[in-house]
Amino acid sequence: MLRVQVEVWPGGRVLQSQVIGVANIANASELADVSDYEGYVDGIPVEVKGHLRSEGAWSLLRKALEDAGY
């Protein structure tokens, strides 16, 4: 599973950090070279079909964000 958490640290102060976004994306294809994924971006269900695992996590995250309407 890929989990991405985006935080804001006002003035670089971790004690005042705030979570402003979370994505949880899981492989639904038993780690095939071309895989399908399911998950949530800020509570919105997402599906990514036919992702080439060799494209990496950032590409997968971009596709999940697009599916969530971002």
N, C-alpha and C. Protein backbone atom coordinates (compact mmCIF):
# COMPACT_ATOMS: atom_id res chain seq x y z
N MET A 1 0.85 -1.17 0.00
CA MET A 1 0.00 0.00 0.00
C MET A 1 0.89 1.24 0.00
N LEU A 2 0.48 2.21 -0.76
CA LEU A 2 1.13 3.51 -0.79
C LEU A 2 0.30 4.47 0.04
N ARG A 3 0.96 5.14 0.99
CA ARG A 3 0.28 6.15 1.80
C ARG A 3 1.07 7.45 1.65
N VAL A 4 0.37 8.51 1.28
CA VAL A 4 0.98 9.82 1.16
C VAL A 4 0.21 10.76 2.07
N GLN A 5 0.95 11.45 2.94
CA GLN A 5 0.34 12.42 3.85
C GLN A 5 1.02 13.75 3.61
N VAL A 6 0.23 14.77 3.32
CA VAL A 6 0.75 16.11 3.06
C VAL A 6 0.48 16.96 4.29
N GLU A 7 1.53 17.61 4.79
CA GLU A 7 1.42 18.44 5.97
C GLU A 7 1.95 19.84 5.69
N VAL A 8 1.42 20.80 6.42
CA VAL A 8 1.96 22.16 6.42
C VAL A 8 2.62 22.36 7.78
N TRP A 9 3.83 22.88 7.76
CA TRP A 9 4.57 23.18 8.98
C TRP A 9 4.79 24.69 9.03
N PRO A 10 3.90 25.45 9.65
CA PRO A 10 4.03 26.91 9.68
C PRO A 10 5.38 27.33 10.27
N GLY A 11 6.15 28.07 9.50
CA GLY A 11 7.45 28.53 9.97
C GLY A 11 8.42 27.41 10.25
N GLY A 12 8.16 26.21 9.72
CA GLY A 12 9.03 25.06 9.96
C GLY A 12 8.84 24.41 11.32
N ARG A 13 7.78 24.75 12.01
CA ARG A 13 7.53 24.24 13.37
C ARG A 13 6.66 22.98 13.32
N VAL A 14 7.28 21.84 13.59
CA VAL A 14 6.58 20.56 13.53
C VAL A 14 5.45 20.49 14.55
N LEU A 15 5.60 21.12 15.69
CA LEU A 15 4.55 21.06 16.71
C LEU A 15 3.28 21.78 16.29
N GLN A 16 3.37 22.63 15.27
CA GLN A 16 2.19 23.31 14.75
C GLN A 16 1.75 22.75 13.40
N SER A 17 2.28 21.58 13.06
CA SER A 17 1.96 21.00 11.74
C SER A 17 0.48 20.65 11.65
N GLN A 18 -0.03 20.70 10.42
CA GLN A 18 -1.42 20.34 10.13
C GLN A 18 -1.44 19.45 8.90
N VAL A 19 -2.17 18.36 8.97
CA VAL A 19 -2.36 17.48 7.82
C VAL A 19 -3.38 18.14 6.91
N ILE A 20 -3.02 18.30 5.63
CA ILE A 20 -3.95 18.92 4.68
C ILE A 20 -4.37 17.96 3.56
N GLY A 21 -3.81 16.73 3.55
CA GLY A 21 -4.22 15.76 2.55
C GLY A 21 -3.65 14.39 2.84
N VAL A 22 -4.43 13.34 2.51
CA VAL A 22 -4.00 11.96 2.71
C VAL A 22 -4.48 11.12 1.54
N ALA A 23 -3.58 10.28 1.04
CA ALA A 23 -3.94 9.31 0.00
C ALA A 23 -3.48 7.93 0.43
N ASN A 24 -4.37 6.96 0.32
CA ASN A 24 -4.06 5.55 0.57
C ASN A 24 -4.44 4.78 -0.69
N ILE A 25 -3.44 4.14 -1.31
CA ILE A 25 -3.66 3.47 -2.59
C ILE A 25 -3.06 2.07 -2.51
N ALA A 26 -3.86 1.04 -2.80
CA ALA A 26 -3.42 -0.35 -2.68
C ALA A 26 -3.46 -1.05 -4.03
N ASN A 27 -2.47 -1.91 -4.26
CA ASN A 27 -2.41 -2.71 -5.47
C ASN A 27 -3.48 -3.79 -5.39
N ALA A 28 -4.30 -3.90 -6.43
CA ALA A 28 -5.38 -4.90 -6.47
C ALA A 28 -5.07 -5.99 -7.49
N SER A 29 -3.81 -6.08 -7.95
CA SER A 29 -3.46 -7.01 -9.03
C SER A 29 -2.28 -7.91 -8.68
N GLU A 30 -2.07 -8.17 -7.41
CA GLU A 30 -1.00 -9.08 -6.97
C GLU A 30 0.36 -8.69 -7.53
N LEU A 31 0.63 -7.39 -7.58
CA LEU A 31 1.94 -6.84 -7.96
C LEU A 31 2.36 -7.18 -9.39
N ALA A 32 1.40 -7.29 -10.29
CA ALA A 32 1.70 -7.53 -11.70
C ALA A 32 2.44 -6.32 -12.27
N ASP A 33 3.20 -6.51 -13.35
CA ASP A 33 3.92 -5.40 -13.98
C ASP A 33 2.99 -4.27 -14.40
N VAL A 34 1.80 -4.64 -14.87
CA VAL A 34 0.75 -3.66 -15.16
C VAL A 34 -0.36 -3.96 -14.17
N SER A 35 -0.59 -3.03 -13.24
CA SER A 35 -1.47 -3.30 -12.11
C SER A 35 -2.64 -2.34 -12.04
N ASP A 36 -3.68 -2.79 -11.36
CA ASP A 36 -4.83 -1.95 -11.02
C ASP A 36 -4.72 -1.60 -9.53
N TYR A 37 -5.21 -0.41 -9.19
CA TYR A 37 -5.11 0.08 -7.82
C TYR A 37 -6.46 0.61 -7.36
N GLU A 38 -6.69 0.52 -6.05
CA GLU A 38 -7.89 1.05 -5.42
C GLU A 38 -7.47 1.79 -4.17
N GLY A 39 -8.25 2.77 -3.79
CA GLY A 39 -7.94 3.47 -2.55
C GLY A 39 -8.78 4.70 -2.36
N TYR A 40 -8.22 5.62 -1.57
CA TYR A 40 -8.92 6.85 -1.23
C TYR A 40 -7.95 8.02 -1.27
N VAL A 41 -8.43 9.14 -1.76
CA VAL A 41 -7.70 10.41 -1.68
C VAL A 41 -8.61 11.38 -0.94
N ASP A 42 -8.20 11.77 0.24
CA ASP A 42 -9.03 12.64 1.09
C ASP A 42 -10.46 12.12 1.23
N GLY A 43 -10.59 10.82 1.41
CA GLY A 43 -11.90 10.20 1.61
C GLY A 43 -12.67 9.91 0.34
N ILE A 44 -12.15 10.30 -0.81
CA ILE A 44 -12.81 10.07 -2.10
C ILE A 44 -12.30 8.75 -2.67
N PRO A 45 -13.18 7.80 -2.98
CA PRO A 45 -12.72 6.53 -3.56
C PRO A 45 -12.09 6.76 -4.93
N VAL A 46 -10.97 6.06 -5.18
CA VAL A 46 -10.28 6.17 -6.47
C VAL A 46 -9.95 4.80 -7.01
N GLU A 47 -9.86 4.73 -8.35
CA GLU A 47 -9.42 3.53 -9.06
C GLU A 47 -8.44 3.94 -10.14
N VAL A 48 -7.34 3.22 -10.21
CA VAL A 48 -6.38 3.43 -11.28
C VAL A 48 -6.22 2.08 -11.97
N LYS A 49 -6.55 2.03 -13.24
CA LYS A 49 -6.48 0.78 -14.01
C LYS A 49 -5.28 0.82 -14.95
N GLY A 50 -4.57 -0.30 -15.05
CA GLY A 50 -3.52 -0.46 -16.05
C GLY A 50 -2.29 0.40 -15.82
N HIS A 51 -1.90 0.61 -14.57
CA HIS A 51 -0.71 1.41 -14.28
C HIS A 51 0.54 0.55 -14.43
N LEU A 52 1.50 1.04 -15.19
CA LEU A 52 2.79 0.36 -15.31
C LEU A 52 3.58 0.62 -14.03
N ARG A 53 3.87 -0.43 -13.28
CA ARG A 53 4.57 -0.25 -12.01
C ARG A 53 5.93 0.40 -12.21
N SER A 54 6.53 0.19 -13.37
CA SER A 54 7.85 0.78 -13.64
C SER A 54 7.79 2.31 -13.73
N GLU A 55 6.59 2.89 -13.88
CA GLU A 55 6.44 4.36 -13.92
C GLU A 55 6.61 4.98 -12.54
N GLY A 56 6.48 4.19 -11.49
CA GLY A 56 6.76 4.67 -10.15
C GLY A 56 5.57 5.24 -9.39
N ALA A 57 5.88 5.59 -8.14
CA ALA A 57 4.84 6.03 -7.20
C ALA A 57 4.28 7.39 -7.53
N TRP A 58 5.11 8.33 -8.02
CA TRP A 58 4.61 9.68 -8.30
C TRP A 58 3.61 9.65 -9.45
N SER A 59 3.86 8.83 -10.44
CA SER A 59 2.93 8.70 -11.55
C SER A 59 1.61 8.10 -11.07
N LEU A 60 1.70 7.09 -10.20
CA LEU A 60 0.50 6.48 -9.63
C LEU A 60 -0.28 7.50 -8.82
N LEU A 61 0.40 8.28 -8.02
CA LEU A 61 -0.27 9.30 -7.21
C LEU A 61 -0.96 10.33 -8.10
N ARG A 62 -0.30 10.76 -9.17
CA ARG A 62 -0.91 11.72 -10.10
C ARG A 62 -2.20 11.16 -10.68
N LYS A 63 -2.18 9.90 -11.09
CA LYS A 63 -3.38 9.27 -11.67
C LYS A 63 -4.49 9.16 -10.63
N ALA A 64 -4.14 8.84 -9.39
CA ALA A 64 -5.14 8.75 -8.32
C ALA A 64 -5.75 10.12 -8.03
N LEU A 65 -4.91 11.16 -8.01
CA LEU A 65 -5.40 12.52 -7.79
C LEU A 65 -6.35 12.93 -8.91
N GLU A 66 -6.01 12.61 -10.15
CA GLU A 66 -6.88 12.93 -11.28
C GLU A 66 -8.22 12.21 -11.15
N ASP A 67 -8.17 10.93 -10.74
CA ASP A 67 -9.41 10.16 -10.59
C ASP A 67 -10.29 10.75 -9.49
N ALA A 68 -9.66 11.35 -8.47
CA ALA A 68 -10.40 11.98 -7.38
C ALA A 68 -10.92 13.37 -7.75
N GLY A 69 -10.54 13.85 -8.92
CA GLY A 69 -11.03 15.15 -9.37
C GLY A 69 -10.12 16.31 -9.05
N TYR A 70 -8.88 16.05 -8.67
CA TYR A 70 -7.93 17.12 -8.37
C TYR A 70 -7.14 17.48 -9.61
